[in-house]
Amino acid sequence: MILILIFSRDIFFAIYPYLLIMALVAAAVAWFIHSRQKRSKDQAGEPEEDDSSNPLEFKVALIFATLFVVFTVLTHYTLVYAGVGGLNLLSFISGFSDITPFILNLLQNTGSVAVLIVVACSMQAIISNILVNTFYALFFAGKGSKLRPWIL
C-alpha cells in the first residue's frame, strides 16, 4: 500500500478500501483458526525452527530484477497490442509469480491507463496470487496436516 501511495495517490485512494477489507478478513480468519487450535503441553514450550536465510540475497534480487524487466516488456506490449482485455489476462497470469513487478509497472504507466483499470488489474493480480498460494499450501501441507481442513 505504501508503494501504491508513493506512485499514485489517486490509485491509492481507489484501492485502499478493498485492501483494508481483505486485511481485516484475513486477520479475523487467522484469529479464528488460531483460537480453535488445541495445543498439547509438549508443543507449548517447543520453539519452531527458524529459517535464517536472508530474503535480500543476490539470487533473490536477480530474480526480482528479471521479473521486473519481463513484466515491463509484457505490460508495454500488452497495452500497445492487446489493450485492456490483454491487460486483464496478464494480471491473472502475473499471479503465478511475484506480483510486485507487475503492479509497479502498472503504477508507472498511470498516464496511459485509467485509474479504475489499474485498480482492477492490481486486485486481479492479488487475488490470482492468493489462489496460487492457497494451492501451494494445500499441496505442501500434506494429507495429514491439521491445517488442511482450514485451508479447504
C-alpha atoms as a PDB file:
ATOM      1  CA  MET A   1       0.000   0.000   0.000  1.00  0.00           C
ATOM      2  CA  ILE A   2       2.924   2.319   0.721  1.00  0.00           C
ATOM      3  CA  LEU A   3       4.353   1.743  -2.765  1.00  0.00           C
ATOM      4  CA  ILE A   4       0.982   2.489  -4.308  1.00  0.00           C
ATOM      5  CA  LEU A   5       0.741   5.703  -2.278  1.00  0.00           C
ATOM      6  CA  ILE A   6       4.238   6.746  -3.385  1.00  0.00           C
ATOM      7  CA  PHE A   7       3.478   6.194  -7.078  1.00  0.00           C
ATOM      8  CA  SER A   8      -0.116   7.445  -7.270  1.00  0.00           C
ATOM      9  CA  ARG A   9      -2.423   8.947  -4.686  1.00  0.00           C
ATOM     10  CA  ASP A  10      -5.474   8.530  -6.933  1.00  0.00           C
ATOM     11  CA  ILE A  11      -4.906   4.796  -7.262  1.00  0.00           C
ATOM     12  CA  PHE A  12      -4.162   4.509  -3.543  1.00  0.00           C
ATOM     13  CA  PHE A  13      -7.446   6.168  -2.570  1.00  0.00           C
ATOM     14  CA  ALA A  14      -9.316   3.914  -5.008  1.00  0.00           C
ATOM     15  CA  ILE A  15      -7.715   0.636  -3.870  1.00  0.00           C
ATOM     16  CA  TYR A  16      -7.093   1.011  -0.144  1.00  0.00           C
ATOM     17  CA  PRO A  17     -10.673   0.217   0.979  1.00  0.00           C
ATOM     18  CA  TYR A  18     -10.503  -3.150  -0.799  1.00  0.00           C
ATOM     19  CA  LEU A  19      -7.057  -3.954   0.587  1.00  0.00           C
ATOM     20  CA  LEU A  20      -8.155  -2.887   4.057  1.00  0.00           C
ATOM     21  CA  ILE A  21     -11.221  -5.164   3.907  1.00  0.00           C
ATOM     22  CA  MET A  22      -9.035  -8.060   2.701  1.00  0.00           C
ATOM     23  CA  ALA A  23      -6.564  -7.470   5.544  1.00  0.00           C
ATOM     24  CA  LEU A  24      -9.317  -7.338   8.164  1.00  0.00           C
ATOM     25  CA  VAL A  25     -10.936 -10.528   6.857  1.00  0.00           C
ATOM     26  CA  ALA A  26      -7.563 -12.301   6.788  1.00  0.00           C
ATOM     27  CA  ALA A  27      -6.810 -11.166  10.355  1.00  0.00           C
ATOM     28  CA  ALA A  28     -10.236 -12.321  11.567  1.00  0.00           C
ATOM     29  CA  VAL A  29      -9.878 -15.731   9.902  1.00  0.00           C
ATOM     30  CA  ALA A  30      -6.340 -16.145  11.284  1.00  0.00           C
ATOM     31  CA  TRP A  31      -7.529 -15.226  14.778  1.00  0.00           C
ATOM     32  CA  PHE A  32     -10.453 -17.664  14.475  1.00  0.00           C
ATOM     33  CA  ILE A  33      -8.210 -20.530  13.347  1.00  0.00           C
ATOM     34  CA  HIS A  34      -5.627 -19.704  15.999  1.00  0.00           C
ATOM     35  CA  SER A  35      -8.242 -19.625  18.761  1.00  0.00           C
ATOM     36  CA  ARG A  36      -9.659 -23.025  17.657  1.00  0.00           C
ATOM     37  CA  GLN A  37      -6.295 -24.796  17.669  1.00  0.00           C
ATOM     38  CA  LYS A  38      -5.768 -27.138  20.592  1.00  0.00           C
ATOM     39  CA  ARG A  39      -2.257 -27.132  21.961  1.00  0.00           C
ATOM     40  CA  SER A  40      -0.708 -30.049  23.711  1.00  0.00           C
ATOM     41  CA  LYS A  41       1.604 -29.430  26.656  1.00  0.00           C
ATOM     42  CA  ASP A  42       4.725 -30.572  24.800  1.00  0.00           C
ATOM     43  CA  GLN A  43       4.070 -28.218  21.863  1.00  0.00           C
ATOM     44  CA  ALA A  44       3.771 -25.095  24.013  1.00  0.00           C
ATOM     45  CA  GLY A  45       7.421 -24.945  25.071  1.00  0.00           C
ATOM     46  CA  GLU A  46       8.955 -26.213  21.843  1.00  0.00           C
ATOM     47  CA  PRO A  47      10.436 -23.419  19.706  1.00  0.00           C
ATOM     48  CA  GLU A  48       9.901 -23.599  15.981  1.00  0.00           C
ATOM     49  CA  GLU A  49      12.831 -23.905  13.608  1.00  0.00           C
ATOM     50  CA  ASP A  50      13.999 -20.571  12.299  1.00  0.00           C
ATOM     51  CA  ASP A  51      14.909 -20.258   8.659  1.00  0.00           C
ATOM     52  CA  SER A  52      17.805 -17.835   8.840  1.00  0.00           C
ATOM     53  CA  SER A  53      18.228 -17.310   5.105  1.00  0.00           C
ATOM     54  CA  ASN A  54      18.393 -13.707   4.038  1.00  0.00           C
ATOM     55  CA  PRO A  55      15.459 -12.624   1.823  1.00  0.00           C
ATOM     56  CA  LEU A  56      17.692  -9.903   0.323  1.00  0.00           C
ATOM     57  CA  GLU A  57      20.262 -12.298  -1.135  1.00  0.00           C
ATOM     58  CA  PHE A  58      21.782 -11.539  -4.515  1.00  0.00           C
ATOM     59  CA  LYS A  59      19.996 -14.504  -6.118  1.00  0.00           C
ATOM     60  CA  VAL A  60      16.601 -13.185  -4.983  1.00  0.00           C
ATOM     61  CA  ALA A  61      17.498  -9.692  -6.213  1.00  0.00           C
ATOM     62  CA  LEU A  62      18.385 -11.106  -9.639  1.00  0.00           C
ATOM     63  CA  ILE A  63      15.079 -12.971  -9.836  1.00  0.00           C
ATOM     64  CA  PHE A  64      13.187  -9.801  -8.925  1.00  0.00           C
ATOM     65  CA  ALA A  65      15.142  -7.743 -11.469  1.00  0.00           C
ATOM     66  CA  THR A  66      14.468 -10.320 -14.168  1.00  0.00           C
ATOM     67  CA  LEU A  67      10.757 -10.381 -13.341  1.00  0.00           C
ATOM     68  CA  PHE A  68      10.682  -6.582 -13.354  1.00  0.00           C
ATOM     69  CA  VAL A  69      12.212  -6.416 -16.841  1.00  0.00           C
ATOM     70  CA  VAL A  70       9.956  -9.196 -18.149  1.00  0.00           C
ATOM     71  CA  PHE A  71       6.811  -7.528 -16.799  1.00  0.00           C
ATOM     72  CA  THR A  72       7.930  -4.128 -18.093  1.00  0.00           C
ATOM     73  CA  VAL A  73       8.168  -5.513 -21.612  1.00  0.00           C
ATOM     74  CA  LEU A  74       4.996  -7.620 -21.296  1.00  0.00           C
ATOM     75  CA  THR A  75       2.944  -4.768 -19.849  1.00  0.00           C
ATOM     76  CA  HIS A  76       4.087  -2.320 -22.514  1.00  0.00           C
ATOM     77  CA  TYR A  77       3.390  -4.622 -25.450  1.00  0.00           C
ATOM     78  CA  THR A  78       0.146  -5.854 -23.926  1.00  0.00           C
ATOM     79  CA  LEU A  79      -1.103  -2.283 -23.657  1.00  0.00           C
ATOM     80  CA  VAL A  80       0.031  -1.471 -27.204  1.00  0.00           C
ATOM     81  CA  TYR A  81      -1.281  -4.571 -28.973  1.00  0.00           C
ATOM     82  CA  ALA A  82      -3.974  -6.145 -26.770  1.00  0.00           C
ATOM     83  CA  GLY A  83      -5.395  -3.202 -24.835  1.00  0.00           C
ATOM     84  CA  VAL A  84      -7.370  -3.521 -21.621  1.00  0.00           C
ATOM     85  CA  GLY A  85      -8.540  -7.080 -22.344  1.00  0.00           C
ATOM     86  CA  GLY A  86      -4.964  -8.255 -22.670  1.00  0.00           C
ATOM     87  CA  LEU A  87      -4.016  -6.374 -19.516  1.00  0.00           C
ATOM     88  CA  ASN A  88      -6.793  -8.184 -17.625  1.00  0.00           C
ATOM     89  CA  LEU A  89      -5.449 -11.537 -18.803  1.00  0.00           C
ATOM     90  CA  LEU A  90      -1.874 -10.538 -17.946  1.00  0.00           C
ATOM     91  CA  SER A  91      -2.976  -9.538 -14.445  1.00  0.00           C
ATOM     92  CA  PHE A  92      -4.283 -13.059 -13.790  1.00  0.00           C
ATOM     93  CA  ILE A  93      -1.171 -14.662 -15.287  1.00  0.00           C
ATOM     94  CA  SER A  94       1.112 -12.472 -13.159  1.00  0.00           C
ATOM     95  CA  GLY A  95      -0.381 -14.101 -10.058  1.00  0.00           C
ATOM     96  CA  PHE A  96       1.725 -17.195 -10.790  1.00  0.00           C
ATOM     97  CA  SER A  97       4.865 -15.248  -9.916  1.00  0.00           C
ATOM     98  CA  ASP A  98       5.778 -12.280  -7.759  1.00  0.00           C
ATOM     99  CA  ILE A  99       3.105  -9.650  -8.444  1.00  0.00           C
ATOM    100  CA  THR A 100       5.137  -6.678  -7.227  1.00  0.00           C
ATOM    101  CA  PRO A 101       6.936  -6.061 -10.559  1.00  0.00           C
ATOM    102  CA  PHE A 102       3.630  -6.208 -12.437  1.00  0.00           C
ATOM    103  CA  ILE A 103       1.914  -3.769 -10.082  1.00  0.00           C
ATOM    104  CA  LEU A 104       4.904  -1.403 -10.143  1.00  0.00           C
ATOM    105  CA  ASN A 105       4.772  -1.388 -13.943  1.00  0.00           C
ATOM    106  CA  LEU A 106       1.057  -0.658 -13.857  1.00  0.00           C
ATOM    107  CA  LEU A 107       1.653   2.235 -11.491  1.00  0.00           C
ATOM    108  CA  GLN A 108       4.357   3.676 -13.728  1.00  0.00           C
ATOM    109  CA  ASN A 109       2.012   3.635 -16.739  1.00  0.00           C
ATOM    110  CA  THR A 110      -0.740   5.548 -14.939  1.00  0.00           C
ATOM    111  CA  GLY A 111      -0.832   8.272 -17.595  1.00  0.00           C
ATOM    112  CA  SER A 112      -1.939   5.915 -20.349  1.00  0.00           C
ATOM    113  CA  VAL A 113      -4.323   3.694 -18.348  1.00  0.00           C
ATOM    114  CA  ALA A 114      -7.425   4.740 -16.407  1.00  0.00           C
ATOM    115  CA  VAL A 115      -7.239   4.580 -12.605  1.00  0.00           C
ATOM    116  CA  LEU A 116     -10.068   2.042 -12.334  1.00  0.00           C
ATOM    117  CA  ILE A 117      -8.328  -0.257 -14.844  1.00  0.00           C
ATOM    118  CA  VAL A 118      -5.112  -0.148 -12.782  1.00  0.00           C
ATOM    119  CA  VAL A 119      -7.096  -0.839  -9.593  1.00  0.00           C
ATOM    120  CA  ALA A 120      -8.978  -3.739 -11.204  1.00  0.00           C
ATOM    121  CA  CYS A 121      -5.814  -5.281 -12.663  1.00  0.00           C
ATOM    122  CA  SER A 122      -3.966  -4.902  -9.361  1.00  0.00           C
ATOM    123  CA  MET A 123      -6.775  -6.599  -7.454  1.00  0.00           C
ATOM    124  CA  GLN A 124      -6.972  -9.368 -10.070  1.00  0.00           C
ATOM    125  CA  ALA A 125      -3.233  -9.991  -9.724  1.00  0.00           C
ATOM    126  CA  ILE A 126      -3.501 -10.035  -5.922  1.00  0.00           C
ATOM    127  CA  ILE A 127      -6.437 -12.461  -5.926  1.00  0.00           C
ATOM    128  CA  SER A 128      -4.767 -14.677  -8.529  1.00  0.00           C
ATOM    129  CA  ASN A 129      -1.625 -14.775  -6.370  1.00  0.00           C
ATOM    130  CA  ILE A 130      -3.685 -15.645  -3.283  1.00  0.00           C
ATOM    131  CA  LEU A 131      -5.300 -18.562  -5.150  1.00  0.00           C
ATOM    132  CA  VAL A 132      -1.908 -19.846  -6.299  1.00  0.00           C
ATOM    133  CA  ASN A 133      -0.577 -19.598  -2.736  1.00  0.00           C
ATOM    134  CA  THR A 134      -3.636 -21.498  -1.491  1.00  0.00           C
ATOM    135  CA  PHE A 135      -2.876 -24.341  -3.883  1.00  0.00           C
ATOM    136  CA  TYR A 136       0.765 -24.294  -2.725  1.00  0.00           C
ATOM    137  CA  ALA A 137      -0.410 -24.570   0.875  1.00  0.00           C
ATOM    138  CA  LEU A 138      -2.710 -27.481   0.045  1.00  0.00           C
ATOM    139  CA  PHE A 139      -0.005 -29.285  -1.901  1.00  0.00           C
ATOM    140  CA  PHE A 140       2.817 -28.828   0.604  1.00  0.00           C
ATOM    141  CA  ALA A 141       0.706 -29.292   3.754  1.00  0.00           C
ATOM    142  CA  GLY A 142       0.206 -32.973   3.038  1.00  0.00           C
ATOM    143  CA  LYS A 143      -2.877 -35.063   3.663  1.00  0.00           C
ATOM    144  CA  GLY A 144      -2.207 -35.457   7.379  1.00  0.00           C
ATOM    145  CA  SER A 145      -1.849 -31.751   8.148  1.00  0.00           C
ATOM    146  CA  LYS A 146      -4.103 -30.278  10.807  1.00  0.00           C
ATOM    147  CA  LEU A 147      -4.405 -27.053   8.801  1.00  0.00           C
ATOM    148  CA  ARG A 148      -5.628 -28.772   5.631  1.00  0.00           C
ATOM    149  CA  PRO A 149      -9.340 -28.612   6.616  1.00  0.00           C
ATOM    150  CA  TRP A 150      -8.929 -24.930   7.439  1.00  0.00           C
ATOM    151  CA  ILE A 151      -7.281 -24.252   4.094  1.00  0.00           C
ATOM    152  CA  LEU A 152     -10.089 -26.020   2.266  1.00  0.00           C
END
